[in-house]
All heavy atoms as atom14 arrays in JSON, in Angstrom:
{
  "sequence": "MSIDIESDYESGKLFSIAFAGAAAKRVLMIGDGADDECIEYVADE",
  "atom14_mask": [
    [1, 1, 1, 1, 1, 1, 1, 1, 0, 0, 0, 0, 0, 0],
    [1, 1, 1, 1, 1, 1, 0, 0, 0, 0, 0, 0, 0, 0],
    [1, 1, 1, 1, 1, 1, 1, 1, 0, 0, 0, 0, 0, 0],
    [1, 1, 1, 1, 1, 1, 1, 1, 0, 0, 0, 0, 0, 0],
    [1, 1, 1, 1, 1, 1, 1, 1, 0, 0, 0, 0, 0, 0],
    [1, 1, 1, 1, 1, 1, 1, 1, 1, 0, 0, 0, 0, 0],
    [1, 1, 1, 1, 1, 1, 0, 0, 0, 0, 0, 0, 0, 0],
    [1, 1, 1, 1, 1, 1, 1, 1, 0, 0, 0, 0, 0, 0],
    [1, 1, 1, 1, 1, 1, 1, 1, 1, 1, 1, 1, 0, 0],
    [1, 1, 1, 1, 1, 1, 1, 1, 1, 0, 0, 0, 0, 0],
    [1, 1, 1, 1, 1, 1, 0, 0, 0, 0, 0, 0, 0, 0],
    [1, 1, 1, 1, 0, 0, 0, 0, 0, 0, 0, 0, 0, 0],
    [1, 1, 1, 1, 1, 1, 1, 1, 1, 0, 0, 0, 0, 0],
    [1, 1, 1, 1, 1, 1, 1, 1, 0, 0, 0, 0, 0, 0],
    [1, 1, 1, 1, 1, 1, 1, 1, 1, 1, 1, 0, 0, 0],
    [1, 1, 1, 1, 1, 1, 0, 0, 0, 0, 0, 0, 0, 0],
    [1, 1, 1, 1, 1, 1, 1, 1, 0, 0, 0, 0, 0, 0],
    [1, 1, 1, 1, 1, 0, 0, 0, 0, 0, 0, 0, 0, 0],
    [1, 1, 1, 1, 1, 1, 1, 1, 1, 1, 1, 0, 0, 0],
    [1, 1, 1, 1, 1, 0, 0, 0, 0, 0, 0, 0, 0, 0],
    [1, 1, 1, 1, 0, 0, 0, 0, 0, 0, 0, 0, 0, 0],
    [1, 1, 1, 1, 1, 0, 0, 0, 0, 0, 0, 0, 0, 0],
    [1, 1, 1, 1, 1, 0, 0, 0, 0, 0, 0, 0, 0, 0],
    [1, 1, 1, 1, 1, 0, 0, 0, 0, 0, 0, 0, 0, 0],
    [1, 1, 1, 1, 1, 1, 1, 1, 1, 0, 0, 0, 0, 0],
    [1, 1, 1, 1, 1, 1, 1, 1, 1, 1, 1, 0, 0, 0],
    [1, 1, 1, 1, 1, 1, 1, 0, 0, 0, 0, 0, 0, 0],
    [1, 1, 1, 1, 1, 1, 1, 1, 0, 0, 0, 0, 0, 0],
    [1, 1, 1, 1, 1, 1, 1, 1, 0, 0, 0, 0, 0, 0],
    [1, 1, 1, 1, 1, 1, 1, 1, 0, 0, 0, 0, 0, 0],
    [1, 1, 1, 1, 0, 0, 0, 0, 0, 0, 0, 0, 0, 0],
    [1, 1, 1, 1, 1, 1, 1, 1, 0, 0, 0, 0, 0, 0],
    [1, 1, 1, 1, 0, 0, 0, 0, 0, 0, 0, 0, 0, 0],
    [1, 1, 1, 1, 1, 0, 0, 0, 0, 0, 0, 0, 0, 0],
    [1, 1, 1, 1, 1, 1, 1, 1, 0, 0, 0, 0, 0, 0],
    [1, 1, 1, 1, 1, 1, 1, 1, 0, 0, 0, 0, 0, 0],
    [1, 1, 1, 1, 1, 1, 1, 1, 1, 0, 0, 0, 0, 0],
    [1, 1, 1, 1, 1, 1, 0, 0, 0, 0, 0, 0, 0, 0],
    [1, 1, 1, 1, 1, 1, 1, 1, 0, 0, 0, 0, 0, 0],
    [1, 1, 1, 1, 1, 1, 1, 1, 1, 0, 0, 0, 0, 0],
    [1, 1, 1, 1, 1, 1, 1, 1, 1, 1, 1, 1, 0, 0],
    [1, 1, 1, 1, 1, 1, 1, 0, 0, 0, 0, 0, 0, 0],
    [1, 1, 1, 1, 1, 0, 0, 0, 0, 0, 0, 0, 0, 0],
    [1, 1, 1, 1, 1, 1, 1, 1, 0, 0, 0, 0, 0, 0],
    [1, 1, 1, 1, 1, 1, 1, 1, 1, 0, 0, 0, 0, 0]
  ],
  "atom14_positions": [
    [[-2.78, 5.56, -14.47], [-2.37, 5.27, -13.1], [-1.49, 4.03, -13.09], [-1.8, 3.03, -13.73], [-3.59, 5.04, -12.2], [-3.22, 4.66, -10.77], [-4.65, 4.3, -9.74], [-5.28, 5.95, -9.5], [0.0, 0.0, 0.0], [0.0, 0.0, 0.0], [0.0, 0.0, 0.0], [0.0, 0.0, 0.0], [0.0, 0.0, 0.0], [0.0, 0.0, 0.0]],
    [[-0.4, 4.12, -12.38], [0.49, 2.97, -12.18], [0.18, 2.34, -10.83], [0.02, 3.05, -9.83], [1.95, 3.42, -12.24], [2.81, 2.32, -11.97], [0.0, 0.0, 0.0], [0.0, 0.0, 0.0], [0.0, 0.0, 0.0], [0.0, 0.0, 0.0], [0.0, 0.0, 0.0], [0.0, 0.0, 0.0], [0.0, 0.0, 0.0], [0.0, 0.0, 0.0]],
    [[0.06, 1.01, -10.8], [-0.33, 0.3, -9.58], [0.7, -0.78, -9.27], [1.16, -1.5, -10.17], [-1.71, -0.37, -9.76], [-2.75, 0.66, -10.21], [-2.15, -1.05, -8.47], [-4.03, 0.02, -10.71], [0.0, 0.0, 0.0], [0.0, 0.0, 0.0], [0.0, 0.0, 0.0], [0.0, 0.0, 0.0], [0.0, 0.0, 0.0], [0.0, 0.0, 0.0]],
    [[1.07, -0.9, -8.0], [2.02, -1.93, -7.57], [1.45, -2.62, -6.33], [1.19, -1.97, -5.32], [3.38, -1.3, -7.24], [4.39, -2.34, -6.79], [4.32, -3.48, -7.29], [5.24, -2.02, -5.93], [0.0, 0.0, 0.0], [0.0, 0.0, 0.0], [0.0, 0.0, 0.0], [0.0, 0.0, 0.0], [0.0, 0.0, 0.0], [0.0, 0.0, 0.0]],
    [[1.22, -3.91, -6.44], [0.66, -4.7, -5.34], [1.74, -5.63, -4.79], [2.34, -6.4, -5.54], [-0.56, -5.52, -5.8], [-1.65, -4.59, -6.34], [-1.1, -6.38, -4.66], [-2.83, -5.31, -6.93], [0.0, 0.0, 0.0], [0.0, 0.0, 0.0], [0.0, 0.0, 0.0], [0.0, 0.0, 0.0], [0.0, 0.0, 0.0], [0.0, 0.0, 0.0]],
    [[2.02, -5.52, -3.5], [3.03, -6.36, -2.85], [2.34, -7.47, -2.05], [1.46, -7.19, -1.22], [3.92, -5.53, -1.93], [4.75, -4.47, -2.63], [5.81, -5.06, -3.54], [6.17, -6.24, -3.36], [6.26, -4.34, -4.45], [0.0, 0.0, 0.0], [0.0, 0.0, 0.0], [0.0, 0.0, 0.0], [0.0, 0.0, 0.0], [0.0, 0.0, 0.0]],
    [[2.74, -8.71, -2.31], [2.16, -9.84, -1.59], [3.2, -10.94, -1.47], [4.25, -10.91, -2.12], [0.92, -10.36, -2.31], [1.27, -10.83, -3.6], [0.0, 0.0, 0.0], [0.0, 0.0, 0.0], [0.0, 0.0, 0.0], [0.0, 0.0, 0.0], [0.0, 0.0, 0.0], [0.0, 0.0, 0.0], [0.0, 0.0, 0.0], [0.0, 0.0, 0.0]],
    [[2.9, -11.93, -0.66], [3.79, -13.08, -0.48], [3.36, -14.2, -1.41], [2.2, -14.63, -1.37], [3.75, -13.56, 0.97], [4.69, -14.74, 1.19], [5.9, -14.51, 1.34], [4.2, -15.89, 1.18], [0.0, 0.0, 0.0], [0.0, 0.0, 0.0], [0.0, 0.0, 0.0], [0.0, 0.0, 0.0], [0.0, 0.0, 0.0], [0.0, 0.0, 0.0]],
    [[4.27, -14.68, -2.26], [3.92, -15.67, -3.27], [3.46, -16.98, -2.62], [2.52, -17.61, -3.09], [5.12, -15.93, -4.17], [4.88, -16.97, -5.24], [4.17, -16.65, -6.39], [5.32, -18.28, -5.08], [3.93, -17.6, -7.36], [5.09, -19.24, -6.05], [4.39, -18.9, -7.18], [4.15, -19.85, -8.14], [0.0, 0.0, 0.0], [0.0, 0.0, 0.0]],
    [[4.11, -17.4, -1.55], [3.8, -18.7, -0.94], [2.46, -18.68, -0.2], [1.65, -19.59, -0.35], [4.92, -19.1, 0.01], [6.26, -19.35, -0.67], [6.23, -20.53, -1.63], [5.38, -21.44, -1.4], [7.02, -20.56, -2.58], [0.0, 0.0, 0.0], [0.0, 0.0, 0.0], [0.0, 0.0, 0.0], [0.0, 0.0, 0.0], [0.0, 0.0, 0.0]],
    [[2.24, -17.65, 0.6], [1.05, -17.62, 1.45], [-0.12, -16.87, 0.83], [-1.26, -17.04, 1.25], [1.4, -16.99, 2.8], [1.7, -15.62, 2.63], [0.0, 0.0, 0.0], [0.0, 0.0, 0.0], [0.0, 0.0, 0.0], [0.0, 0.0, 0.0], [0.0, 0.0, 0.0], [0.0, 0.0, 0.0], [0.0, 0.0, 0.0], [0.0, 0.0, 0.0]],
    [[0.17, -16.01, -0.17], [-0.88, -15.18, -0.73], [-1.22, -13.99, 0.14], [-2.16, -13.26, -0.15], [0.0, 0.0, 0.0], [0.0, 0.0, 0.0], [0.0, 0.0, 0.0], [0.0, 0.0, 0.0], [0.0, 0.0, 0.0], [0.0, 0.0, 0.0], [0.0, 0.0, 0.0], [0.0, 0.0, 0.0], [0.0, 0.0, 0.0], [0.0, 0.0, 0.0]],
    [[-0.45, -13.76, 1.2], [-0.72, -12.65, 2.11], [-0.44, -11.32, 1.42], [0.56, -11.15, 0.74], [0.15, -12.78, 3.35], [-0.13, -11.72, 4.41], [0.73, -11.95, 5.65], [0.43, -10.89, 6.72], [1.27, -11.11, 7.93], [0.0, 0.0, 0.0], [0.0, 0.0, 0.0], [0.0, 0.0, 0.0], [0.0, 0.0, 0.0], [0.0, 0.0, 0.0]],
    [[-1.34, -10.37, 1.59], [-1.23, -9.06, 0.98], [-0.55, -8.09, 1.94], [-0.9, -8.03, 3.13], [-2.62, -8.55, 0.61], [-2.75, -7.22, -0.13], [-2.03, -7.28, -1.47], [-4.22, -6.89, -0.33], [0.0, 0.0, 0.0], [0.0, 0.0, 0.0], [0.0, 0.0, 0.0], [0.0, 0.0, 0.0], [0.0, 0.0, 0.0], [0.0, 0.0, 0.0]],
    [[0.42, -7.31, 1.45], [1.15, -6.36, 2.28], [0.77, -4.91, 2.0], [0.53, -4.13, 2.91], [2.66, -6.52, 2.08], [3.18, -7.86, 2.45], [3.92, -8.6, 1.55], [2.93, -8.41, 3.71], [4.41, -9.85, 1.88], [3.42, -9.65, 4.05], [4.16, -10.38, 3.14], [0.0, 0.0, 0.0], [0.0, 0.0, 0.0], [0.0, 0.0, 0.0]],
    [[0.74, -4.54, 0.72], [0.51, -3.13, 0.39], [0.03, -2.97, -1.03], [0.19, -3.86, -1.87], [1.8, -2.33, 0.59], [2.78, -2.72, -0.36], [0.0, 0.0, 0.0], [0.0, 0.0, 0.0], [0.0, 0.0, 0.0], [0.0, 0.0, 0.0], [0.0, 0.0, 0.0], [0.0, 0.0, 0.0], [0.0, 0.0, 0.0], [0.0, 0.0, 0.0]],
    [[-0.58, -1.82, -1.3], [-0.96, -1.41, -2.64], [-0.48, 0.03, -2.82], [-0.86, 0.91, -2.04], [-2.48, -1.48, -2.87], [-3.0, -2.9, -2.65], [-2.83, -0.99, -4.28], [-4.52, -3.03, -2.77], [0.0, 0.0, 0.0], [0.0, 0.0, 0.0], [0.0, 0.0, 0.0], [0.0, 0.0, 0.0], [0.0, 0.0, 0.0], [0.0, 0.0, 0.0]],
    [[0.36, 0.24, -3.82], [0.86, 1.59, -4.11], [0.31, 2.03, -5.46], [0.14, 1.21, -6.37], [2.38, 1.6, -4.12], [0.0, 0.0, 0.0], [0.0, 0.0, 0.0], [0.0, 0.0, 0.0], [0.0, 0.0, 0.0], [0.0, 0.0, 0.0], [0.0, 0.0, 0.0], [0.0, 0.0, 0.0], [0.0, 0.0, 0.0], [0.0, 0.0, 0.0]],
    [[0.04, 3.31, -5.6], [-0.45, 3.83, -6.87], [0.11, 5.23, -7.1], [0.44, 5.96, -6.16], [-1.98, 3.85, -6.91], [-2.62, 4.75, -5.89], [-2.91, 6.08, -6.18], [-2.94, 4.27, -4.63], [-3.5, 6.9, -5.25], [-3.53, 5.08, -3.69], [-3.82, 6.41, -3.99], [0.0, 0.0, 0.0], [0.0, 0.0, 0.0], [0.0, 0.0, 0.0]],
    [[0.26, 5.57, -8.36], [0.76, 6.89, -8.73], [0.09, 7.33, -10.02], [-0.01, 6.56, -10.98], [2.27, 6.87, -8.9], [0.0, 0.0, 0.0], [0.0, 0.0, 0.0], [0.0, 0.0, 0.0], [0.0, 0.0, 0.0], [0.0, 0.0, 0.0], [0.0, 0.0, 0.0], [0.0, 0.0, 0.0], [0.0, 0.0, 0.0], [0.0, 0.0, 0.0]],
    [[-0.39, 8.57, -10.02], [-1.0, 9.15, -11.21], [-0.85, 10.66, -11.16], [-0.21, 11.21, -10.27], [0.0, 0.0, 0.0], [0.0, 0.0, 0.0], [0.0, 0.0, 0.0], [0.0, 0.0, 0.0], [0.0, 0.0, 0.0], [0.0, 0.0, 0.0], [0.0, 0.0, 0.0], [0.0, 0.0, 0.0], [0.0, 0.0, 0.0], [0.0, 0.0, 0.0]],
    [[-1.45, 11.32, -12.13], [-1.32, 12.77, -12.19], [-1.99, 13.45, -11.0], [-1.53, 14.5, -10.53], [-1.94, 13.28, -13.49], [0.0, 0.0, 0.0], [0.0, 0.0, 0.0], [0.0, 0.0, 0.0], [0.0, 0.0, 0.0], [0.0, 0.0, 0.0], [0.0, 0.0, 0.0], [0.0, 0.0, 0.0], [0.0, 0.0, 0.0], [0.0, 0.0, 0.0]],
    [[-3.06, 12.85, -10.47], [-3.83, 13.5, -9.41], [-3.33, 13.16, -8.01], [-3.52, 13.94, -7.08], [-5.3, 13.13, -9.54], [0.0, 0.0, 0.0], [0.0, 0.0, 0.0], [0.0, 0.0, 0.0], [0.0, 0.0, 0.0], [0.0, 0.0, 0.0], [0.0, 0.0, 0.0], [0.0, 0.0, 0.0], [0.0, 0.0, 0.0], [0.0, 0.0, 0.0]],
    [[-2.71, 11.99, -7.82], [-2.29, 11.58, -6.49], [-1.33, 10.4, -6.58], [-1.32, 9.67, -7.58], [-3.51, 11.21, -5.63], [0.0, 0.0, 0.0], [0.0, 0.0, 0.0], [0.0, 0.0, 0.0], [0.0, 0.0, 0.0], [0.0, 0.0, 0.0], [0.0, 0.0, 0.0], [0.0, 0.0, 0.0], [0.0, 0.0, 0.0], [0.0, 0.0, 0.0]],
    [[-0.55, 10.23, -5.53], [0.28, 9.04, -5.39], [0.35, 8.69, -3.92], [0.42, 9.57, -3.05], [1.67, 9.26, -5.97], [2.47, 10.39, -5.35], [3.81, 10.51, -6.04], [4.64, 11.66, -5.46], [5.95, 11.78, -6.13], [0.0, 0.0, 0.0], [0.0, 0.0, 0.0], [0.0, 0.0, 0.0], [0.0, 0.0, 0.0], [0.0, 0.0, 0.0]],
    [[0.3, 7.38, -3.63], [0.23, 6.97, -2.24], [0.56, 5.49, -2.12], [0.36, 4.72, -3.05], [-1.18, 7.23, -1.68], [-1.34, 6.95, -0.18], [-2.52, 7.72, 0.36], [-2.29, 9.14, 0.27], [-2.35, 9.96, 1.33], [-2.65, 9.49, 2.53], [-2.14, 11.25, 1.2], [0.0, 0.0, 0.0], [0.0, 0.0, 0.0], [0.0, 0.0, 0.0]],
    [[1.07, 5.12, -0.94], [1.29, 3.72, -0.59], [0.34, 3.37, 0.54], [0.39, 3.99, 1.61], [2.75, 3.46, -0.16], [2.92, 1.99, 0.24], [3.72, 3.83, -1.27], [0.0, 0.0, 0.0], [0.0, 0.0, 0.0], [0.0, 0.0, 0.0], [0.0, 0.0, 0.0], [0.0, 0.0, 0.0], [0.0, 0.0, 0.0], [0.0, 0.0, 0.0]],
    [[-0.53, 2.41, 0.32], [-1.44, 1.9, 1.34], [-0.81, 0.63, 1.9], [-0.56, -0.33, 1.15], [-2.81, 1.6, 0.75], [-3.47, 2.76, -0.01], [-4.78, 2.31, -0.64], [-3.69, 3.95, 0.9], [0.0, 0.0, 0.0], [0.0, 0.0, 0.0], [0.0, 0.0, 0.0], [0.0, 0.0, 0.0], [0.0, 0.0, 0.0], [0.0, 0.0, 0.0]],
    [[-0.56, 0.59, 3.22], [0.23, -0.5, 3.8], [-0.42, -1.0, 5.08], [-0.92, -0.21, 5.89], [1.65, -0.01, 4.08], [2.59, -1.07, 4.63], [4.27, -0.42, 4.85], [4.69, -0.01, 3.17], [0.0, 0.0, 0.0], [0.0, 0.0, 0.0], [0.0, 0.0, 0.0], [0.0, 0.0, 0.0], [0.0, 0.0, 0.0], [0.0, 0.0, 0.0]],
    [[-0.41, -2.31, 5.27], [-0.91, -2.9, 6.51], [0.15, -2.7, 7.59], [1.32, -3.04, 7.41], [-1.2, -4.4, 6.32], [-2.31, -4.58, 5.29], [-1.59, -5.04, 7.65], [-2.59, -6.04, 4.93], [0.0, 0.0, 0.0], [0.0, 0.0, 0.0], [0.0, 0.0, 0.0], [0.0, 0.0, 0.0], [0.0, 0.0, 0.0], [0.0, 0.0, 0.0]],
    [[-0.25, -2.11, 8.72], [0.7, -1.87, 9.8], [0.2, -0.84, 10.79], [-0.93, -0.34, 10.69], [0.0, 0.0, 0.0], [0.0, 0.0, 0.0], [0.0, 0.0, 0.0], [0.0, 0.0, 0.0], [0.0, 0.0, 0.0], [0.0, 0.0, 0.0], [0.0, 0.0, 0.0], [0.0, 0.0, 0.0], [0.0, 0.0, 0.0], [0.0, 0.0, 0.0]],
    [[1.07, -0.49, 11.74], [0.7, 0.42, 12.83], [1.43, 1.75, 12.77], [1.44, 2.5, 13.74], [0.99, -0.24, 14.19], [0.19, -1.52, 14.38], [-0.96, -1.56, 13.92], [0.73, -2.47, 14.97], [0.0, 0.0, 0.0], [0.0, 0.0, 0.0], [0.0, 0.0, 0.0], [0.0, 0.0, 0.0], [0.0, 0.0, 0.0], [0.0, 0.0, 0.0]],
    [[2.07, 2.06, 11.65], [2.85, 3.28, 11.57], [1.98, 4.53, 11.52], [0.75, 4.47, 11.45], [0.0, 0.0, 0.0], [0.0, 0.0, 0.0], [0.0, 0.0, 0.0], [0.0, 0.0, 0.0], [0.0, 0.0, 0.0], [0.0, 0.0, 0.0], [0.0, 0.0, 0.0], [0.0, 0.0, 0.0], [0.0, 0.0, 0.0], [0.0, 0.0, 0.0]],
    [[2.65, 5.67, 11.56], [1.97, 6.96, 11.47], [1.87, 7.4, 10.01], [2.85, 7.34, 9.27], [2.74, 8.01, 12.28], [0.0, 0.0, 0.0], [0.0, 0.0, 0.0], [0.0, 0.0, 0.0], [0.0, 0.0, 0.0], [0.0, 0.0, 0.0], [0.0, 0.0, 0.0], [0.0, 0.0, 0.0], [0.0, 0.0, 0.0], [0.0, 0.0, 0.0]],
    [[0.7, 7.83, 9.6], [0.49, 8.27, 8.22], [1.31, 9.53, 7.94], [1.55, 10.36, 8.82], [-0.98, 8.58, 7.98], [-1.86, 7.35, 8.11], [-1.32, 6.24, 8.2], [-3.1, 7.51, 8.12], [0.0, 0.0, 0.0], [0.0, 0.0, 0.0], [0.0, 0.0, 0.0], [0.0, 0.0, 0.0], [0.0, 0.0, 0.0], [0.0, 0.0, 0.0]],
    [[1.75, 9.66, 6.71], [2.35, 10.9, 6.25], [1.79, 11.2, 4.86], [0.81, 10.6, 4.43], [3.88, 10.83, 6.25], [4.43, 9.71, 5.38], [3.8, 9.39, 4.35], [5.49, 9.16, 5.71], [0.0, 0.0, 0.0], [0.0, 0.0, 0.0], [0.0, 0.0, 0.0], [0.0, 0.0, 0.0], [0.0, 0.0, 0.0], [0.0, 0.0, 0.0]],
    [[2.4, 12.12, 4.12], [1.85, 12.52, 2.83], [1.97, 11.44, 1.76], [1.31, 11.52, 0.73], [2.54, 13.79, 2.34], [4.04, 13.63, 2.11], [4.68, 14.91, 1.63], [4.02, 15.97, 1.67], [5.86, 14.85, 1.23], [0.0, 0.0, 0.0], [0.0, 0.0, 0.0], [0.0, 0.0, 0.0], [0.0, 0.0, 0.0], [0.0, 0.0, 0.0]],
    [[2.79, 10.43, 1.99], [2.99, 9.37, 0.98], [2.46, 8.01, 1.42], [2.06, 7.2, 0.6], [4.47, 9.24, 0.64], [5.14, 10.66, -0.25], [0.0, 0.0, 0.0], [0.0, 0.0, 0.0], [0.0, 0.0, 0.0], [0.0, 0.0, 0.0], [0.0, 0.0, 0.0], [0.0, 0.0, 0.0], [0.0, 0.0, 0.0], [0.0, 0.0, 0.0]],
    [[2.48, 7.72, 2.72], [2.13, 6.39, 3.23], [0.92, 6.49, 4.13], [0.82, 7.38, 4.98], [3.31, 5.76, 4.0], [4.53, 5.63, 3.1], [2.9, 4.39, 4.54], [5.75, 5.05, 3.8], [0.0, 0.0, 0.0], [0.0, 0.0, 0.0], [0.0, 0.0, 0.0], [0.0, 0.0, 0.0], [0.0, 0.0, 0.0], [0.0, 0.0, 0.0]],
    [[0.0, 5.56, 3.92], [-1.2, 5.47, 4.75], [-1.31, 4.04, 5.28], [-1.28, 3.08, 4.5], [-2.43, 5.84, 3.93], [-3.74, 5.75, 4.7], [-4.93, 6.14, 3.82], [-4.73, 6.85, 2.82], [-6.05, 5.72, 4.14], [0.0, 0.0, 0.0], [0.0, 0.0, 0.0], [0.0, 0.0, 0.0], [0.0, 0.0, 0.0], [0.0, 0.0, 0.0]],
    [[-1.42, 3.88, 6.59], [-1.47, 2.56, 7.2], [-2.92, 2.14, 7.48], [-3.76, 2.97, 7.84], [-0.67, 2.55, 8.51], [0.82, 2.67, 8.29], [1.43, 3.91, 8.31], [1.6, 1.54, 8.06], [2.79, 4.04, 8.1], [2.96, 1.65, 7.86], [3.56, 2.91, 7.87], [4.91, 3.02, 7.65], [0.0, 0.0, 0.0], [0.0, 0.0, 0.0]],
    [[-3.18, 0.84, 7.31], [-4.51, 0.28, 7.57], [-4.35, -0.96, 8.43], [-3.25, -1.51, 8.58], [-5.24, -0.06, 6.26], [-5.51, 1.2, 5.45], [-4.43, -1.05, 5.43], [0.0, 0.0, 0.0], [0.0, 0.0, 0.0], [0.0, 0.0, 0.0], [0.0, 0.0, 0.0], [0.0, 0.0, 0.0], [0.0, 0.0, 0.0], [0.0, 0.0, 0.0]],
    [[-5.46, -1.43, 8.98], [-5.41, -2.49, 9.99], [-5.18, -3.88, 9.4], [-4.47, -4.7, 9.98], [-6.69, -2.47, 10.83], [0.0, 0.0, 0.0], [0.0, 0.0, 0.0], [0.0, 0.0, 0.0], [0.0, 0.0, 0.0], [0.0, 0.0, 0.0], [0.0, 0.0, 0.0], [0.0, 0.0, 0.0], [0.0, 0.0, 0.0], [0.0, 0.0, 0.0]],
    [[-5.82, -4.19, 8.26], [-5.76, -5.56, 7.75], [-6.01, -5.57, 6.24], [-6.19, -4.51, 5.61], [-6.77, -6.45, 8.46], [-8.18, -5.84, 8.47], [-8.55, -5.17, 7.46], [-8.91, -6.01, 9.47], [0.0, 0.0, 0.0], [0.0, 0.0, 0.0], [0.0, 0.0, 0.0], [0.0, 0.0, 0.0], [0.0, 0.0, 0.0], [0.0, 0.0, 0.0]],
    [[-6.02, -6.77, 5.65], [-6.18, -6.91, 4.19], [-7.51, -6.34, 3.72], [-7.57, -5.67, 2.68], [-6.07, -8.39, 3.78], [-4.68, -8.96, 3.87], [-4.59, -10.35, 3.28], [-5.62, -10.83, 2.75], [-3.52, -10.96, 3.34], [0.0, 0.0, 0.0], [0.0, 0.0, 0.0], [0.0, 0.0, 0.0], [0.0, 0.0, 0.0], [0.0, 0.0, 0.0]]
  ]
}
């Protein structure tokens, strides 16, 4: 599985975690958007 974590270097604030593997791939992101087959939004860190 490949994992990519996006955060702010200065504040340490976390934005998203993306992962990709043979069984699934998805971007988990903090925000208010509408989920689709690739992106899933959550409320907070």
